[in-house]
Amino acid sequence: MAEEFSGNKLLTLKEAAALSPYSAEYLNLLARKKKIKARKIGRDWLITKTDLFDYLKKQHSESRNRVLQLSKYIGLLL
């Protein structure tokens, strides 16, 4: 996909799925729920690599925080 948005190359969700641990279908769901910054052009959802990686970093950070909170909680129980 050669289209660009604000100077960034736009990826189809299939292309984005190849760069992430998520399927194109799940990325489509996230786009429809406005959980990721994707743009709908015609029938296709498109996302920049920057927006995809920002979402992945955010998810990684939130996941790590949940693990730390859980490990502190479990430590209190032991």
N, C-alpha and C. Protein backbone atom coordinates (compact mmCIF):
# COMPACT_ATOMS: atom_id res chain seq x y z
N MET A 1 0.86 -1.17 0.00
CA MET A 1 0.00 0.00 0.00
C MET A 1 0.90 1.22 0.00
N ALA A 2 0.78 2.07 -1.01
CA ALA A 2 1.68 3.20 -1.18
C ALA A 2 1.10 4.52 -0.69
N GLU A 3 -0.13 4.52 -0.19
CA GLU A 3 -0.72 5.76 0.27
C GLU A 3 0.00 6.26 1.51
N GLU A 4 -0.07 7.58 1.72
CA GLU A 4 0.58 8.17 2.88
C GLU A 4 -0.38 9.07 3.63
N PHE A 5 -0.14 9.20 4.92
CA PHE A 5 -0.90 10.10 5.78
C PHE A 5 0.11 10.85 6.62
N SER A 6 0.13 12.15 6.51
CA SER A 6 1.08 13.00 7.26
C SER A 6 2.51 12.53 7.04
N GLY A 7 2.83 12.13 5.82
CA GLY A 7 4.19 11.71 5.51
C GLY A 7 4.52 10.29 5.92
N ASN A 8 3.59 9.59 6.54
CA ASN A 8 3.82 8.21 6.95
C ASN A 8 3.11 7.26 6.00
N LYS A 9 3.79 6.20 5.62
CA LYS A 9 3.18 5.19 4.75
C LYS A 9 2.05 4.49 5.49
N LEU A 10 0.93 4.31 4.81
CA LEU A 10 -0.20 3.61 5.40
C LEU A 10 -0.12 2.12 5.09
N LEU A 11 -0.39 1.31 6.08
CA LEU A 11 -0.39 -0.14 5.94
C LEU A 11 -1.82 -0.64 6.00
N THR A 12 -2.11 -1.68 5.25
CA THR A 12 -3.39 -2.35 5.43
C THR A 12 -3.31 -3.11 6.76
N LEU A 13 -4.45 -3.51 7.28
CA LEU A 13 -4.42 -4.26 8.54
C LEU A 13 -3.77 -5.62 8.35
N LYS A 14 -3.82 -6.16 7.15
CA LYS A 14 -3.13 -7.43 6.88
C LYS A 14 -1.62 -7.22 6.97
N GLU A 15 -1.13 -6.10 6.41
CA GLU A 15 0.30 -5.80 6.50
C GLU A 15 0.69 -5.51 7.95
N ALA A 16 -0.18 -4.80 8.67
CA ALA A 16 0.09 -4.49 10.08
C ALA A 16 0.12 -5.76 10.92
N ALA A 17 -0.76 -6.70 10.60
CA ALA A 17 -0.80 -7.97 11.34
C ALA A 17 0.51 -8.73 11.20
N ALA A 18 1.13 -8.63 10.04
CA ALA A 18 2.41 -9.32 9.81
C ALA A 18 3.52 -8.73 10.69
N LEU A 19 3.34 -7.49 11.15
CA LEU A 19 4.34 -6.82 11.98
C LEU A 19 4.01 -6.88 13.47
N SER A 20 2.88 -7.51 13.80
CA SER A 20 2.43 -7.51 15.20
C SER A 20 1.99 -8.91 15.60
N PRO A 21 1.74 -9.10 16.89
CA PRO A 21 1.24 -10.41 17.34
C PRO A 21 -0.26 -10.58 17.14
N TYR A 22 -0.92 -9.57 16.55
CA TYR A 22 -2.36 -9.60 16.38
C TYR A 22 -2.76 -9.97 14.96
N SER A 23 -3.93 -10.57 14.83
CA SER A 23 -4.45 -10.90 13.50
C SER A 23 -5.07 -9.65 12.87
N ALA A 24 -5.24 -9.69 11.56
CA ALA A 24 -5.89 -8.59 10.85
C ALA A 24 -7.32 -8.41 11.35
N GLU A 25 -7.98 -9.50 11.69
CA GLU A 25 -9.35 -9.43 12.18
C GLU A 25 -9.41 -8.71 13.53
N TYR A 26 -8.45 -9.00 14.41
CA TYR A 26 -8.44 -8.34 15.71
C TYR A 26 -8.10 -6.86 15.55
N LEU A 27 -7.16 -6.53 14.66
CA LEU A 27 -6.84 -5.13 14.40
C LEU A 27 -8.05 -4.40 13.83
N ASN A 28 -8.84 -5.10 13.01
CA ASN A 28 -10.07 -4.51 12.47
C ASN A 28 -11.03 -4.18 13.61
N LEU A 29 -11.17 -5.09 14.55
CA LEU A 29 -12.03 -4.85 15.71
C LEU A 29 -11.54 -3.64 16.52
N LEU A 30 -10.23 -3.57 16.75
CA LEU A 30 -9.66 -2.44 17.48
C LEU A 30 -9.91 -1.13 16.74
N ALA A 31 -9.81 -1.16 15.42
CA ALA A 31 -10.05 0.04 14.61
C ALA A 31 -11.51 0.48 14.72
N ARG A 32 -12.42 -0.47 14.62
CA ARG A 32 -13.85 -0.14 14.70
C ARG A 32 -14.23 0.39 16.07
N LYS A 33 -13.54 -0.09 17.11
CA LYS A 33 -13.82 0.38 18.47
C LYS A 33 -12.98 1.60 18.84
N LYS A 34 -12.22 2.10 17.87
CA LYS A 34 -11.36 3.28 18.05
C LYS A 34 -10.30 3.08 19.14
N LYS A 35 -9.81 1.86 19.26
CA LYS A 35 -8.74 1.55 20.22
C LYS A 35 -7.37 1.79 19.60
N ILE A 36 -7.31 1.78 18.26
CA ILE A 36 -6.08 2.11 17.55
C ILE A 36 -6.39 3.25 16.59
N LYS A 37 -5.36 4.02 16.24
CA LYS A 37 -5.54 5.15 15.32
C LYS A 37 -5.47 4.63 13.89
N ALA A 38 -6.57 4.17 13.39
CA ALA A 38 -6.65 3.68 12.02
C ALA A 38 -7.62 4.57 11.25
N ARG A 39 -7.46 4.59 9.93
CA ARG A 39 -8.33 5.38 9.08
C ARG A 39 -9.03 4.46 8.11
N LYS A 40 -10.30 4.71 7.90
CA LYS A 40 -11.04 3.90 6.93
C LYS A 40 -11.09 4.66 5.61
N ILE A 41 -10.56 4.04 4.58
CA ILE A 41 -10.58 4.61 3.24
C ILE A 41 -11.30 3.61 2.37
N GLY A 42 -12.49 3.99 1.94
CA GLY A 42 -13.33 3.04 1.21
C GLY A 42 -13.76 1.94 2.15
N ARG A 43 -13.46 0.71 1.77
CA ARG A 43 -13.81 -0.44 2.61
C ARG A 43 -12.66 -0.89 3.50
N ASP A 44 -11.48 -0.29 3.29
CA ASP A 44 -10.27 -0.76 3.98
C ASP A 44 -9.89 0.13 5.15
N TRP A 45 -9.45 -0.51 6.22
CA TRP A 45 -8.85 0.19 7.34
C TRP A 45 -7.35 0.25 7.11
N LEU A 46 -6.77 1.42 7.33
CA LEU A 46 -5.33 1.62 7.15
C LEU A 46 -4.75 2.23 8.42
N ILE A 47 -3.50 1.91 8.69
CA ILE A 47 -2.82 2.41 9.88
C ILE A 47 -1.37 2.70 9.52
N THR A 48 -0.79 3.71 10.17
CA THR A 48 0.63 3.97 9.95
C THR A 48 1.44 3.03 10.84
N LYS A 49 2.65 2.78 10.42
CA LYS A 49 3.54 1.93 11.22
C LYS A 49 3.78 2.58 12.59
N THR A 50 3.90 3.91 12.60
CA THR A 50 4.10 4.63 13.86
C THR A 50 2.94 4.41 14.82
N ASP A 51 1.71 4.54 14.31
CA ASP A 51 0.53 4.34 15.17
C ASP A 51 0.44 2.89 15.65
N LEU A 52 0.77 1.95 14.79
CA LEU A 52 0.77 0.54 15.19
C LEU A 52 1.77 0.30 16.31
N PHE A 53 3.01 0.77 16.13
CA PHE A 53 4.03 0.54 17.14
C PHE A 53 3.74 1.30 18.43
N ASP A 54 3.12 2.48 18.34
CA ASP A 54 2.71 3.20 19.55
C ASP A 54 1.71 2.36 20.34
N TYR A 55 0.75 1.75 19.65
CA TYR A 55 -0.24 0.90 20.32
C TYR A 55 0.45 -0.31 20.96
N LEU A 56 1.37 -0.94 20.22
CA LEU A 56 2.06 -2.12 20.75
C LEU A 56 2.87 -1.76 22.00
N LYS A 57 3.56 -0.60 21.97
CA LYS A 57 4.33 -0.17 23.13
C LYS A 57 3.42 0.09 24.33
N LYS A 58 2.28 0.73 24.07
CA LYS A 58 1.32 1.02 25.14
C LYS A 58 0.81 -0.28 25.75
N GLN A 59 0.47 -1.24 24.92
CA GLN A 59 -0.03 -2.53 25.41
C GLN A 59 1.04 -3.25 26.22
N HIS A 60 2.28 -3.21 25.76
CA HIS A 60 3.38 -3.86 26.47
C HIS A 60 3.57 -3.22 27.84
N SER A 61 3.52 -1.89 27.88
CA SER A 61 3.70 -1.17 29.14
C SER A 61 2.57 -1.49 30.12
N GLU A 62 1.33 -1.48 29.63
CA GLU A 62 0.18 -1.79 30.49
C GLU A 62 0.25 -3.23 31.00
N SER A 63 0.67 -4.13 30.13
CA SER A 63 0.78 -5.54 30.51
C SER A 63 1.85 -5.71 31.60
N ARG A 64 2.95 -5.03 31.42
CA ARG A 64 4.04 -5.11 32.39
C ARG A 64 3.58 -4.57 33.75
N ASN A 65 2.84 -3.45 33.72
CA ASN A 65 2.34 -2.88 34.98
C ASN A 65 1.38 -3.84 35.68
N ARG A 66 0.53 -4.53 34.92
CA ARG A 66 -0.39 -5.49 35.52
C ARG A 66 0.37 -6.64 36.17
N VAL A 67 1.42 -7.10 35.51
CA VAL A 67 2.24 -8.19 36.06
C VAL A 67 2.90 -7.74 37.36
N LEU A 68 3.43 -6.53 37.37
CA LEU A 68 4.07 -6.02 38.59
C LEU A 68 3.07 -5.89 39.74
N GLN A 69 1.88 -5.38 39.44
CA GLN A 69 0.85 -5.26 40.47
C GLN A 69 0.44 -6.63 40.99
N LEU A 70 0.27 -7.57 40.09
CA LEU A 70 -0.12 -8.91 40.49
C LEU A 70 0.97 -9.58 41.33
N SER A 71 2.23 -9.40 40.93
CA SER A 71 3.31 -10.03 41.69
C SER A 71 3.42 -9.42 43.09
N LYS A 72 3.15 -8.11 43.22
CA LYS A 72 3.14 -7.49 44.55
C LYS A 72 2.01 -8.07 45.39
N TYR A 73 0.85 -8.24 44.78
CA TYR A 73 -0.31 -8.78 45.47
C TYR A 73 -0.04 -10.22 45.91
N ILE A 74 0.51 -11.01 45.02
CA ILE A 74 0.82 -12.41 45.35
C ILE A 74 1.86 -12.47 46.45
N GLY A 75 2.84 -11.57 46.39
CA GLY A 75 3.86 -11.51 47.43
C GLY A 75 3.27 -11.23 48.80
N LEU A 76 2.22 -10.42 48.84
CA LEU A 76 1.56 -10.12 50.12
C LEU A 76 0.83 -11.33 50.67
N LEU A 77 0.37 -12.20 49.78
CA LEU A 77 -0.37 -13.38 50.21
C LEU A 77 0.53 -14.49 50.72
N LEU A 78 1.79 -14.50 50.30
CA LEU A 78 2.70 -15.59 50.68
C LEU A 78 3.26 -15.42 52.06
